[in-house]
C-alpha atoms as a PDB file:
ATOM      1  CA  UNK A   1       0.000   0.000   0.000  1.00  0.00           C
ATOM      2  CA  UNK A   2       0.890   3.630  -0.480  1.00  0.00           C
ATOM      3  CA  UNK A   3      -0.618   5.680   2.328  1.00  0.00           C
ATOM      4  CA  UNK A   4      -0.789   9.459   2.395  1.00  0.00           C
ATOM      5  CA  UNK A   5      -1.761  11.934   5.103  1.00  0.00           C
ATOM      6  CA  UNK A   6      -3.296  15.136   3.775  1.00  0.00           C
ATOM      7  CA  UNK A   7      -5.181  18.136   5.136  1.00  0.00           C
ATOM      8  CA  UNK A   8      -8.951  17.884   4.767  1.00  0.00           C
ATOM      9  CA  UNK A   9     -11.288  20.467   6.295  1.00  0.00           C
ATOM     10  CA  UNK A  10      -8.576  21.436   8.771  1.00  0.00           C
ATOM     11  CA  UNK A  11      -7.939  17.880   9.933  1.00  0.00           C
ATOM     12  CA  UNK A  12      -5.471  15.113   9.150  1.00  0.00           C
ATOM     13  CA  UNK A  13      -6.877  12.532   6.752  1.00  0.00           C
ATOM     14  CA  UNK A  14      -5.349   9.168   5.910  1.00  0.00           C
ATOM     15  CA  UNK A  15      -5.823   8.012   2.331  1.00  0.00           C
ATOM     16  CA  UNK A  16      -4.819   5.289  -0.079  1.00  0.00           C
ATOM     17  CA  UNK A  17      -2.736   6.666  -2.941  1.00  0.00           C
ATOM     18  CA  UNK A  18      -3.683   4.786  -6.112  1.00  0.00           C
ATOM     19  CA  UNK A  19      -2.440   6.129  -9.443  1.00  0.00           C
ATOM     20  CA  UNK A  20      -1.890   9.487  -7.688  1.00  0.00           C
ATOM     21  CA  UNK A  21      -5.548   9.651  -6.620  1.00  0.00           C
ATOM     22  CA  UNK A  22      -6.345   9.805  -2.907  1.00  0.00           C
ATOM     23  CA  UNK A  23      -9.113   7.631  -1.436  1.00  0.00           C
ATOM     24  CA  UNK A  24      -9.968   8.320   2.202  1.00  0.00           C
ATOM     25  CA  UNK A  25      -9.480   5.147   4.227  1.00  0.00           C
ATOM     26  CA  UNK A  26     -12.562   5.633   6.406  1.00  0.00           C
ATOM     27  CA  UNK A  27     -14.741   6.483   3.418  1.00  0.00           C
ATOM     28  CA  UNK A  28     -13.601   3.320   1.665  1.00  0.00           C
ATOM     29  CA  UNK A  29     -14.386   1.290   4.775  1.00  0.00           C
ATOM     30  CA  UNK A  30     -15.850   2.774   7.989  1.00  0.00           C
ATOM     31  CA  UNK A  31     -13.922   0.155   9.978  1.00  0.00           C
ATOM     32  CA  UNK A  32     -10.581   1.630   8.869  1.00  0.00           C
ATOM     33  CA  UNK A  33      -8.827   4.343  10.866  1.00  0.00           C
ATOM     34  CA  UNK A  34      -8.734   7.846   9.427  1.00  0.00           C
ATOM     35  CA  UNK A  35      -5.323   8.890  10.806  1.00  0.00           C
ATOM     36  CA  UNK A  36      -1.906   7.327  10.429  1.00  0.00           C
ATOM     37  CA  UNK A  37      -1.178   7.185  14.150  1.00  0.00           C
ATOM     38  CA  UNK A  38      -4.410   5.340  14.886  1.00  0.00           C
ATOM     39  CA  UNK A  39      -3.565   2.926  12.066  1.00  0.00           C
ATOM     40  CA  UNK A  40      -0.052   2.343  13.428  1.00  0.00           C
ATOM     41  CA  UNK A  41      -1.387   1.621  16.887  1.00  0.00           C
ATOM     42  CA  UNK A  42      -3.661  -1.047  15.385  1.00  0.00           C
ATOM     43  CA  UNK A  43      -1.389  -2.059  12.514  1.00  0.00           C
ATOM     44  CA  UNK A  44      -1.936  -5.823  12.378  1.00  0.00           C
ATOM     45  CA  UNK A  45      -5.689  -5.541  11.956  1.00  0.00           C
ATOM     46  CA  UNK A  46      -5.604  -2.269  10.014  1.00  0.00           C
ATOM     47  CA  UNK A  47      -3.045  -3.381   7.432  1.00  0.00           C
ATOM     48  CA  UNK A  48      -4.751  -6.709   6.799  1.00  0.00           C
ATOM     49  CA  UNK A  49      -8.128  -5.084   6.203  1.00  0.00           C
ATOM     50  CA  UNK A  50      -6.686  -2.092   4.332  1.00  0.00           C
ATOM     51  CA  UNK A  51      -4.870  -4.270   1.792  1.00  0.00           C
ATOM     52  CA  UNK A  52      -8.154  -5.951   0.871  1.00  0.00           C
ATOM     53  CA  UNK A  53      -9.974  -2.628   0.663  1.00  0.00           C
ATOM     54  CA  UNK A  54      -7.233  -1.212  -1.559  1.00  0.00           C
ATOM     55  CA  UNK A  55      -7.447  -4.268  -3.824  1.00  0.00           C
ATOM     56  CA  UNK A  56     -11.223  -3.796  -4.097  1.00  0.00           C
ATOM     57  CA  UNK A  57     -10.781  -0.129  -5.080  1.00  0.00           C
ATOM     58  CA  UNK A  58      -8.270  -1.068  -7.770  1.00  0.00           C
ATOM     59  CA  UNK A  59     -10.571  -3.812  -9.075  1.00  0.00           C
ATOM     60  CA  UNK A  60     -13.565  -1.466  -9.169  1.00  0.00           C
ATOM     61  CA  UNK A  61     -15.442  -3.510  -6.581  1.00  0.00           C
ATOM     62  CA  UNK A  62     -15.385  -0.716  -4.009  1.00  0.00           C
ATOM     63  CA  UNK A  63     -17.166   2.344  -5.488  1.00  0.00           C
ATOM     64  CA  UNK A  64     -15.554   4.929  -3.179  1.00  0.00           C
ATOM     65  CA  UNK A  65     -14.704   8.157  -4.987  1.00  0.00           C
ATOM     66  CA  UNK A  66     -11.365   9.926  -4.901  1.00  0.00           C
ATOM     67  CA  UNK A  67     -11.578  13.148  -2.894  1.00  0.00           C
ATOM     68  CA  UNK A  68      -8.314  14.661  -4.139  1.00  0.00           C
ATOM     69  CA  UNK A  69      -5.112  13.909  -5.999  1.00  0.00           C
ATOM     70  CA  UNK A  70      -1.527  13.769  -4.815  1.00  0.00           C
ATOM     71  CA  UNK A  71      -0.734  16.873  -6.857  1.00  0.00           C
ATOM     72  CA  UNK A  72      -3.723  18.969  -5.735  1.00  0.00           C
ATOM     73  CA  UNK A  73      -4.049  18.131  -2.025  1.00  0.00           C
ATOM     74  CA  UNK A  74      -2.079  19.673   0.830  1.00  0.00           C
ATOM     75  CA  UNK A  75       0.140  16.713   1.597  1.00  0.00           C
ATOM     76  CA  UNK A  76       1.393  16.426   5.170  1.00  0.00           C
ATOM     77  CA  UNK A  77       4.096  14.216   6.643  1.00  0.00           C
ATOM     78  CA  UNK A  78       2.852  10.596   6.564  1.00  0.00           C
ATOM     79  CA  UNK A  79       3.262  10.590  10.361  1.00  0.00           C
ATOM     80  CA  UNK A  80       2.617  14.159  11.437  1.00  0.00           C
ATOM     81  CA  UNK A  81       3.506  13.695  15.106  1.00  0.00           C
ATOM     82  CA  UNK A  82       5.925  10.768  15.473  1.00  0.00           C
ATOM     83  CA  UNK A  83       6.434   9.356  18.926  1.00  0.00           C
ATOM     84  CA  UNK A  84      10.174   9.894  18.372  1.00  0.00           C
ATOM     85  CA  UNK A  85      12.604  10.568  15.542  1.00  0.00           C
ATOM     86  CA  UNK A  86      16.032   8.979  15.295  1.00  0.00           C
ATOM     87  CA  UNK A  87      18.555   9.128  12.479  1.00  0.00           C
ATOM     88  CA  UNK A  88      21.080   6.409  11.694  1.00  0.00           C
ATOM     89  CA  UNK A  89      24.501   6.354  10.034  1.00  0.00           C
ATOM     90  CA  UNK A  90      24.129   3.440   7.648  1.00  0.00           C
ATOM     91  CA  UNK A  91      26.049   4.384   4.477  1.00  0.00           C
ATOM     92  CA  UNK A  92      29.768   3.706   4.740  1.00  0.00           C
ATOM     93  CA  UNK A  93      30.420   5.603   1.495  1.00  0.00           C
ATOM     94  CA  UNK A  94      29.159   8.862   2.993  1.00  0.00           C
ATOM     95  CA  UNK A  95      31.059   8.443   6.265  1.00  0.00           C
ATOM     96  CA  UNK A  96      34.306   7.474   4.521  1.00  0.00           C
ATOM     97  CA  UNK A  97      34.068  10.364   2.045  1.00  0.00           C
ATOM     98  CA  UNK A  98      33.365  12.907   4.765  1.00  0.00           C
ATOM     99  CA  UNK A  99      36.364  11.731   6.796  1.00  0.00           C
ATOM    100  CA  UNK A 100      38.623  11.567   3.743  1.00  0.00           C
ATOM    101  CA  UNK A 101      37.670  15.136   2.915  1.00  0.00           C
ATOM    102  CA  UNK A 102      38.733  16.185   6.413  1.00  0.00           C
ATOM    103  CA  UNK A 103      41.967  14.232   5.971  1.00  0.00           C
ATOM    104  CA  UNK A 104      41.266  11.859   8.846  1.00  0.00           C
ATOM    105  CA  UNK A 105      41.147   8.064   8.824  1.00  0.00           C
ATOM    106  CA  UNK A 106      37.939   6.092   8.557  1.00  0.00           C
ATOM    107  CA  UNK A 107      36.544   5.058  11.940  1.00  0.00           C
ATOM    108  CA  UNK A 108      37.017   1.301  12.429  1.00  0.00           C
ATOM    109  CA  UNK A 109      34.029   1.212  14.764  1.00  0.00           C
ATOM    110  CA  UNK A 110      31.674   2.032  11.877  1.00  0.00           C
ATOM    111  CA  UNK A 111      31.842  -1.615  10.810  1.00  0.00           C
ATOM    112  CA  UNK A 112      31.289  -2.930  14.335  1.00  0.00           C
ATOM    113  CA  UNK A 113      27.866  -1.537  15.228  1.00  0.00           C
ATOM    114  CA  UNK A 114      25.222   0.859  13.881  1.00  0.00           C
ATOM    115  CA  UNK A 115      24.674   4.184  15.602  1.00  0.00           C
ATOM    116  CA  UNK A 116      21.956   6.829  15.636  1.00  0.00           C
ATOM    117  CA  UNK A 117      21.062  10.132  17.249  1.00  0.00           C
ATOM    118  CA  UNK A 118      17.744  11.614  18.352  1.00  0.00           C
ATOM    119  CA  UNK A 119      16.418  14.614  16.481  1.00  0.00           C
ATOM    120  CA  UNK A 120      13.372  16.796  17.139  1.00  0.00           C
ATOM    121  CA  UNK A 121      10.216  14.774  16.489  1.00  0.00           C
ATOM    122  CA  UNK A 122       8.165  17.949  16.988  1.00  0.00           C
ATOM    123  CA  UNK A 123       9.882  19.529  13.975  1.00  0.00           C
ATOM    124  CA  UNK A 124       8.944  16.761  11.533  1.00  0.00           C
ATOM    125  CA  UNK A 125       7.146  18.074   8.457  1.00  0.00           C
ATOM    126  CA  UNK A 126       6.082  16.997   4.995  1.00  0.00           C
ATOM    127  CA  UNK A 127       6.267  18.593   1.552  1.00  0.00           C
ATOM    128  CA  UNK A 128       6.030  22.371   1.284  1.00  0.00           C
ATOM    129  CA  UNK A 129       7.937  25.351   2.620  1.00  0.00           C
ATOM    130  CA  UNK A 130      10.747  25.120   5.172  1.00  0.00           C
ATOM    131  CA  UNK A 131      11.010  28.390   7.130  1.00  0.00           C
ATOM    132  CA  UNK A 132      14.507  29.015   8.486  1.00  0.00           C
ATOM    133  CA  UNK A 133      16.014  31.571  10.844  1.00  0.00           C
ATOM    134  CA  UNK A 134      19.048  33.680   9.820  1.00  0.00           C
ATOM    135  CA  UNK A 135      21.616  31.406  11.512  1.00  0.00           C
ATOM    136  CA  UNK A 136      20.214  28.384   9.668  1.00  0.00           C
ATOM    137  CA  UNK A 137      20.909  30.085   6.344  1.00  0.00           C
ATOM    138  CA  UNK A 138      24.612  30.015   7.129  1.00  0.00           C
ATOM    139  CA  UNK A 139      25.668  26.823   5.320  1.00  0.00           C
ATOM    140  CA  UNK A 140      22.151  25.377   5.084  1.00  0.00           C
ATOM    141  CA  UNK A 141      22.179  21.816   3.751  1.00  0.00           C
ATOM    142  CA  UNK A 142      19.946  18.968   2.648  1.00  0.00           C
ATOM    143  CA  UNK A 143      20.540  15.287   3.426  1.00  0.00           C
ATOM    144  CA  UNK A 144      19.115  12.617   1.122  1.00  0.00           C
ATOM    145  CA  UNK A 145      17.911   9.644   3.174  1.00  0.00           C
ATOM    146  CA  UNK A 146      15.281   6.948   3.519  1.00  0.00           C
ATOM    147  CA  UNK A 147      13.292   6.332   6.696  1.00  0.00           C
ATOM    148  CA  UNK A 148      11.012   3.791   8.344  1.00  0.00           C
ATOM    149  CA  UNK A 149       8.216   4.039  10.897  1.00  0.00           C
ATOM    150  CA  UNK A 150       7.504   1.415  13.548  1.00  0.00           C
ATOM    151  CA  UNK A 151       4.130  -0.303  13.830  1.00  0.00           C
ATOM    152  CA  UNK A 152       4.256  -2.345  17.034  1.00  0.00           C
ATOM    153  CA  UNK A 153       5.806  -2.302  20.472  1.00  0.00           C
ATOM    154  CA  UNK A 154       8.894  -4.242  21.408  1.00  0.00           C
ATOM    155  CA  UNK A 155      11.983  -4.360  23.577  1.00  0.00           C
ATOM    156  CA  UNK A 156      15.349  -6.039  22.957  1.00  0.00           C
ATOM    157  CA  UNK A 157      14.259  -6.800  19.398  1.00  0.00           C
ATOM    158  CA  UNK A 158      16.678  -8.997  17.447  1.00  0.00           C
ATOM    159  CA  UNK A 159      17.670  -7.962  13.919  1.00  0.00           C
ATOM    160  CA  UNK A 160      16.325 -11.233  12.517  1.00  0.00           C
ATOM    161  CA  UNK A 161      12.846 -10.256  13.732  1.00  0.00           C
ATOM    162  CA  UNK A 162      13.027  -6.479  13.371  1.00  0.00           C
ATOM    163  CA  UNK A 163      11.594  -6.134   9.869  1.00  0.00           C
ATOM    164  CA  UNK A 164       8.174  -7.164  11.220  1.00  0.00           C
ATOM    165  CA  UNK A 165       8.201  -3.952  13.287  1.00  0.00           C
ATOM    166  CA  UNK A 166       8.412  -1.776  10.161  1.00  0.00           C
ATOM    167  CA  UNK A 167       5.114  -0.425   8.793  1.00  0.00           C
ATOM    168  CA  UNK A 168       6.748   1.098   5.747  1.00  0.00           C
ATOM    169  CA  UNK A 169       9.331   3.315   4.119  1.00  0.00           C
ATOM    170  CA  UNK A 170       9.525   7.019   3.257  1.00  0.00           C
ATOM    171  CA  UNK A 171      11.917   9.588   1.856  1.00  0.00           C
ATOM    172  CA  UNK A 172      13.672  11.687   4.506  1.00  0.00           C
ATOM    173  CA  UNK A 173      15.443  15.025   4.140  1.00  0.00           C
ATOM    174  CA  UNK A 174      17.458  15.574   7.325  1.00  0.00           C
ATOM    175  CA  UNK A 175      17.831  19.340   7.033  1.00  0.00           C
ATOM    176  CA  UNK A 176      21.091  20.629   8.496  1.00  0.00           C
ATOM    177  CA  UNK A 177      22.345  24.070   9.501  1.00  0.00           C
ATOM    178  CA  UNK A 178      26.059  23.361   9.255  1.00  0.00           C
ATOM    179  CA  UNK A 179      27.393  26.481  10.983  1.00  0.00           C
ATOM    180  CA  UNK A 180      25.283  25.766  14.058  1.00  0.00           C
ATOM    181  CA  UNK A 181      26.100  22.049  13.854  1.00  0.00           C
ATOM    182  CA  UNK A 182      29.872  22.514  13.637  1.00  0.00           C
ATOM    183  CA  UNK A 183      29.859  25.131  16.391  1.00  0.00           C
ATOM    184  CA  UNK A 184      28.388  22.784  18.970  1.00  0.00           C
ATOM    185  CA  UNK A 185      30.300  19.691  17.788  1.00  0.00           C
ATOM    186  CA  UNK A 186      33.556  21.439  18.717  1.00  0.00           C
ATOM    187  CA  UNK A 187      32.445  20.502  22.239  1.00  0.00           C
ATOM    188  CA  UNK A 188      31.995  16.842  21.212  1.00  0.00           C
ATOM    189  CA  UNK A 189      28.232  16.992  21.586  1.00  0.00           C
ATOM    190  CA  UNK A 190      25.677  16.915  18.815  1.00  0.00           C
ATOM    191  CA  UNK A 191      24.400  17.203  16.208  1.00  0.00           C
ATOM    192  CA  UNK A 192      21.607  19.021  17.991  1.00  0.00           C
ATOM    193  CA  UNK A 193      20.861  22.694  17.375  1.00  0.00           C
ATOM    194  CA  UNK A 194      21.985  22.385  13.782  1.00  0.00           C
ATOM    195  CA  UNK A 195      19.341  19.724  13.155  1.00  0.00           C
ATOM    196  CA  UNK A 196      16.306  20.464  15.285  1.00  0.00           C
ATOM    197  CA  UNK A 197      14.479  23.016  13.128  1.00  0.00           C
ATOM    198  CA  UNK A 198      13.162  20.689  10.401  1.00  0.00           C
ATOM    199  CA  UNK A 199      13.208  17.031   9.428  1.00  0.00           C
ATOM    200  CA  UNK A 200      11.171  16.295   6.303  1.00  0.00           C
ATOM    201  CA  UNK A 201       9.501  12.958   5.566  1.00  0.00           C
ATOM    202  CA  UNK A 202       7.105  11.927   2.829  1.00  0.00           C
ATOM    203  CA  UNK A 203       5.285  12.219   0.613  1.00  0.00           C
ATOM    204  CA  UNK A 204       3.851   8.801   1.469  1.00  0.00           C
ATOM    205  CA  UNK A 205       4.381   5.681   3.551  1.00  0.00           C
ATOM    206  CA  UNK A 206       5.024   2.655   1.323  1.00  0.00           C
ATOM    207  CA  UNK A 207       4.500  -0.783   2.858  1.00  0.00           C
ATOM    208  CA  UNK A 208       7.204  -3.452   2.390  1.00  0.00           C
ATOM    209  CA  UNK A 209       5.106  -5.640   0.073  1.00  0.00           C
ATOM    210  CA  UNK A 210       5.132  -2.818  -2.509  1.00  0.00           C
ATOM    211  CA  UNK A 211       8.938  -3.035  -2.645  1.00  0.00           C
ATOM    212  CA  UNK A 212       9.354  -6.800  -2.851  1.00  0.00           C
ATOM    213  CA  UNK A 213      10.447  -6.666  -6.509  1.00  0.00           C
ATOM    214  CA  UNK A 214      13.367  -4.442  -5.480  1.00  0.00           C
ATOM    215  CA  UNK A 215      14.558  -6.655  -2.634  1.00  0.00           C
ATOM    216  CA  UNK A 216      18.183  -7.792  -2.636  1.00  0.00           C
ATOM    217  CA  UNK A 217      20.434  -9.615  -0.199  1.00  0.00           C
ATOM    218  CA  UNK A 218      21.997  -7.490   2.530  1.00  0.00           C
ATOM    219  CA  UNK A 219      25.751  -7.038   2.489  1.00  0.00           C
ATOM    220  CA  UNK A 220      27.795 -10.007   3.756  1.00  0.00           C
ATOM    221  CA  UNK A 221      27.602 -10.399   7.511  1.00  0.00           C
ATOM    222  CA  UNK A 222      24.425  -8.307   7.784  1.00  0.00           C
ATOM    223  CA  UNK A 223      20.782  -9.138   8.494  1.00  0.00           C
ATOM    224  CA  UNK A 224      17.540  -7.600   7.311  1.00  0.00           C
ATOM    225  CA  UNK A 225      15.527  -6.488   4.321  1.00  0.00           C
ATOM    226  CA  UNK A 226      17.467  -4.489   1.738  1.00  0.00           C
ATOM    227  CA  UNK A 227      16.077  -2.840  -1.384  1.00  0.00           C
ATOM    228  CA  UNK A 228      17.785  -1.667  -4.553  1.00  0.00           C
ATOM    229  CA  UNK A 229      16.134   1.737  -4.894  1.00  0.00           C
ATOM    230  CA  UNK A 230      17.751   4.632  -6.744  1.00  0.00           C
ATOM    231  CA  UNK A 231      17.952   7.843  -4.713  1.00  0.00           C
ATOM    232  CA  UNK A 232      18.279  11.281  -6.328  1.00  0.00           C
ATOM    233  CA  UNK A 233      18.168  14.925  -5.285  1.00  0.00           C
ATOM    234  CA  UNK A 234      17.780  18.061  -7.382  1.00  0.00           C
ATOM    235  CA  UNK A 235      18.227  21.652  -6.221  1.00  0.00           C
ATOM    236  CA  UNK A 236      16.480  24.105  -8.539  1.00  0.00           C
ATOM    237  CA  UNK A 237      16.146  21.312 -11.115  1.00  0.00           C
ATOM    238  CA  UNK A 238      19.902  20.632 -11.112  1.00  0.00           C
ATOM    239  CA  UNK A 239      20.793  17.041 -10.188  1.00  0.00           C
ATOM    240  CA  UNK A 240      23.224  17.234  -7.269  1.00  0.00           C
ATOM    241  CA  UNK A 241      23.062  13.766  -5.687  1.00  0.00           C
ATOM    242  CA  UNK A 242      22.626  10.146  -6.793  1.00  0.00           C
ATOM    243  CA  UNK A 243      22.852   7.016  -4.707  1.00  0.00           C
ATOM    244  CA  UNK A 244      21.063   3.778  -3.916  1.00  0.00           C
ATOM    245  CA  UNK A 245      19.259   2.516  -0.852  1.00  0.00           C
ATOM    246  CA  UNK A 246      20.789  -0.891  -1.562  1.00  0.00           C
ATOM    247  CA  UNK A 247      24.168   0.554  -0.574  1.00  0.00           C
ATOM    248  CA  UNK A 248      23.178   0.746   3.093  1.00  0.00           C
ATOM    249  CA  UNK A 249      25.854  -1.136   5.028  1.00  0.00           C
ATOM    250  CA  UNK A 250      23.736  -1.361   8.172  1.00  0.00           C
ATOM    251  CA  UNK A 251      20.158  -2.461   7.534  1.00  0.00           C
ATOM    252  CA  UNK A 252      17.130  -0.886   9.154  1.00  0.00           C
ATOM    253  CA  UNK A 253      16.642  -4.177  11.009  1.00  0.00           C
ATOM    254  CA  UNK A 254      20.099  -3.843  12.556  1.00  0.00           C
ATOM    255  CA  UNK A 255      19.529  -0.197  13.432  1.00  0.00           C
ATOM    256  CA  UNK A 256      16.215  -1.180  15.039  1.00  0.00           C
ATOM    257  CA  UNK A 257      17.996  -3.885  17.045  1.00  0.00           C
ATOM    258  CA  UNK A 258      20.308  -1.284  18.548  1.00  0.00           C
ATOM    259  CA  UNK A 259      17.486   1.225  19.120  1.00  0.00           C
ATOM    260  CA  UNK A 260      15.470  -1.379  21.038  1.00  0.00           C
ATOM    261  CA  UNK A 261      18.291  -2.606  23.287  1.00  0.00           C
ATOM    262  CA  UNK A 262      17.057  -1.980  26.830  1.00  0.00           C
ATOM    263  CA  UNK A 263      14.384   0.350  25.460  1.00  0.00           C
ATOM    264  CA  UNK A 264      10.670  -0.021  24.755  1.00  0.00           C
ATOM    265  CA  UNK A 265       9.917   0.908  21.158  1.00  0.00           C
ATOM    266  CA  UNK A 266       6.327   1.869  20.383  1.00  0.00           C
ATOM    267  CA  UNK A 267       4.346   2.484  17.188  1.00  0.00           C
ATOM    268  CA  UNK A 268       5.005   5.723  15.347  1.00  0.00           C
ATOM    269  CA  UNK A 269       8.764   6.017  15.856  1.00  0.00           C
ATOM    270  CA  UNK A 270      10.559   7.345  12.772  1.00  0.00           C
ATOM    271  CA  UNK A 271      14.109   6.162  12.058  1.00  0.00           C
ATOM    272  CA  UNK A 272      16.250   7.518   9.239  1.00  0.00           C
ATOM    273  CA  UNK A 273      18.977   5.719   7.339  1.00  0.00           C
ATOM    274  CA  UNK A 274      21.555   8.468   7.487  1.00  0.00           C
ATOM    275  CA  UNK A 275      22.877  10.224   4.407  1.00  0.00           C
ATOM    276  CA  UNK A 276      23.497   8.277   1.217  1.00  0.00           C
ATOM    277  CA  UNK A 277      26.881   8.741  -0.451  1.00  0.00           C
ATOM    278  CA  UNK A 278      26.987  12.156  -2.242  1.00  0.00           C
ATOM    279  CA  UNK A 279      23.760  12.989  -0.400  1.00  0.00           C
ATOM    280  CA  UNK A 280      24.565  16.445   0.986  1.00  0.00           C
ATOM    281  CA  UNK A 281      26.455  19.609   0.093  1.00  0.00           C
ATOM    282  CA  UNK A 282      28.822  19.104   3.044  1.00  0.00           C
ATOM    283  CA  UNK A 283      30.204  15.965   1.424  1.00  0.00           C
ATOM    284  CA  UNK A 284      30.016  17.303  -2.137  1.00  0.00           C
ATOM    285  CA  UNK A 285      31.818  20.524  -1.187  1.00  0.00           C
ATOM    286  CA  UNK A 286      34.528  18.633   0.654  1.00  0.00           C
ATOM    287  CA  UNK A 287      35.126  16.301  -2.283  1.00  0.00           C
ATOM    288  CA  UNK A 288      35.130  19.227  -4.712  1.00  0.00           C
ATOM    289  CA  UNK A 289      37.697  21.195  -2.695  1.00  0.00           C
ATOM    290  CA  UNK A 290      39.866  18.111  -2.252  1.00  0.00           C
ATOM    291  CA  UNK A 291      40.129  17.763  -6.020  1.00  0.00           C
ATOM    292  CA  UNK A 292      40.188  21.479  -6.884  1.00  0.00           C
ATOM    293  CA  UNK A 293      41.130  24.268  -4.422  1.00  0.00           C
ATOM    294  CA  UNK A 294      39.115  26.684  -6.577  1.00  0.00           C
ATOM    295  CA  UNK A 295      35.925  24.612  -6.372  1.00  0.00           C
ATOM    296  CA  UNK A 296      32.861  26.802  -5.804  1.00  0.00           C
ATOM    297  CA  UNK A 297      31.077  25.498  -2.718  1.00  0.00           C
ATOM    298  CA  UNK A 298      27.274  25.305  -2.612  1.00  0.00           C
ATOM    299  CA  UNK A 299      24.757  25.744   0.196  1.00  0.00           C
ATOM    300  CA  UNK A 300      20.996  26.103   0.171  1.00  0.00           C
ATOM    301  CA  UNK A 301      19.553  29.608   0.191  1.00  0.00           C
ATOM    302  CA  UNK A 302      16.130  31.198   0.465  1.00  0.00           C
ATOM    303  CA  UNK A 303      14.045  30.444  -2.603  1.00  0.00           C
ATOM    304  CA  UNK A 304      15.768  27.158  -3.421  1.00  0.00           C
ATOM    305  CA  UNK A 305      13.575  24.194  -4.323  1.00  0.00           C
ATOM    306  CA  UNK A 306      14.798  20.799  -3.113  1.00  0.00           C
ATOM    307  CA  UNK A 307      13.329  17.759  -4.882  1.00  0.00           C
ATOM    308  CA  UNK A 308      14.107  14.224  -3.756  1.00  0.00           C
ATOM    309  CA  UNK A 309      13.094  10.951  -5.379  1.00  0.00           C
ATOM    310  CA  UNK A 310      13.536   7.348  -4.310  1.00  0.00           C
ATOM    311  CA  UNK A 311      12.302   4.576  -6.592  1.00  0.00           C
ATOM    312  CA  UNK A 312       8.976   3.296  -5.305  1.00  0.00           C
ATOM    313  CA  UNK A 313       8.731   5.949  -2.575  1.00  0.00           C
ATOM    314  CA  UNK A 314       7.657   8.964  -4.601  1.00  0.00           C
ATOM    315  CA  UNK A 315       8.903  12.539  -4.851  1.00  0.00           C
ATOM    316  CA  UNK A 316       9.421  14.924  -1.931  1.00  0.00           C
ATOM    317  CA  UNK A 317       9.552  18.654  -2.738  1.00  0.00           C
ATOM    318  CA  UNK A 318      10.347  21.539  -0.386  1.00  0.00           C
ATOM    319  CA  UNK A 319      11.056  25.239  -0.828  1.00  0.00           C
ATOM    320  CA  UNK A 320      13.395  27.138   1.495  1.00  0.00           C
ATOM    321  CA  UNK A 321      12.032  30.429   2.836  1.00  0.00           C
ATOM    322  CA  UNK A 322      13.665  32.924   5.200  1.00  0.00           C
ATOM    323  CA  UNK A 323      11.790  33.744   8.393  1.00  0.00           C
ATOM    324  CA  UNK A 324      11.151  37.439   8.925  1.00  0.00           C
ATOM    325  CA  UNK A 325      13.615  37.853  11.779  1.00  0.00           C
ATOM    326  CA  UNK A 326      17.050  39.266  12.513  1.00  0.00           C
ATOM    327  CA  UNK A 327      17.538  37.375  15.775  1.00  0.00           C
ATOM    328  CA  UNK A 328      20.750  35.315  15.913  1.00  0.00           C
ATOM    329  CA  UNK A 329      21.841  32.924  18.643  1.00  0.00           C
ATOM    330  CA  UNK A 330      25.307  32.926  17.081  1.00  0.00           C
ATOM    331  CA  UNK A 331      25.559  36.555  18.203  1.00  0.00           C
ATOM    332  CA  UNK A 332      24.870  35.514  21.793  1.00  0.00           C
ATOM    333  CA  UNK A 333      28.203  33.714  22.159  1.00  0.00           C
ATOM    334  CA  UNK A 334      30.343  34.957  25.047  1.00  0.00           C
ATOM    335  CA  UNK A 335      33.812  36.254  24.277  1.00  0.00           C
ATOM    336  CA  UNK A 336      36.744  33.998  25.118  1.00  0.00           C
END
């Protein structure tokens, strides 16, 4: 299934997305939940019934009418208020390139265990405008990622079982204010302030069965579902990043295993993959300068349109806008 959350009469509405047309779940079947979070909290029963309802709509058996289309509706994040939001570090190519560009050795521990950090689940948003404060516009960056959302509770989940906790997959843009990020990481803490203003997910949640044709074996020594899905990002219609979800070294199942160690996971938790290789200006600028000292670095600016695509997961589009403010926390720093 492809499930979309959109704004309808001022409320969140869950809908099937079929050929870009949106069919309200509760209109198609009054026994189906009308919001994503309610569906996630009842995923086993909801998903079983919803798959049959979707099949009936496609076959013309269910006469429900489409209320809107993907292109005309106000699309929200698939999960508008996640119970948490974590981001992983799954692509070795990105980590190795970033460290090479800084002229430091690759971290051996990357291959020993997956890691993640918590970001601001109250700043999760979907397609549309991304308002940013002045400090954020100093080296503002995108990060091309995939993400999952959990659909049942568990603790000490093993990687071999973890895929059953995944409701589906989405595109994620882990927006990053690099000046703020690098400032705080000088103190060996973060990323935090450089990340907590916006994390974009969407435009839809795609269930694993939709991606079965793309499934491949995980890398040797790893466990969990892996999908060969091309990932691309354009800024103002210029292609700036290309990668593949199949290049994840750590699988989502393995990241989930670590997340759930000694912790109760619950439905509605969003977990990102981390940046794909070439998936941000920070890496691209570093590589460019390494090869050419005169390379012209790039950062996002107000008015830029960021468009991300992942095979099977749709297209996520956002426009950067500057907030009407002159306030700067960078100017609040104390003198040494």
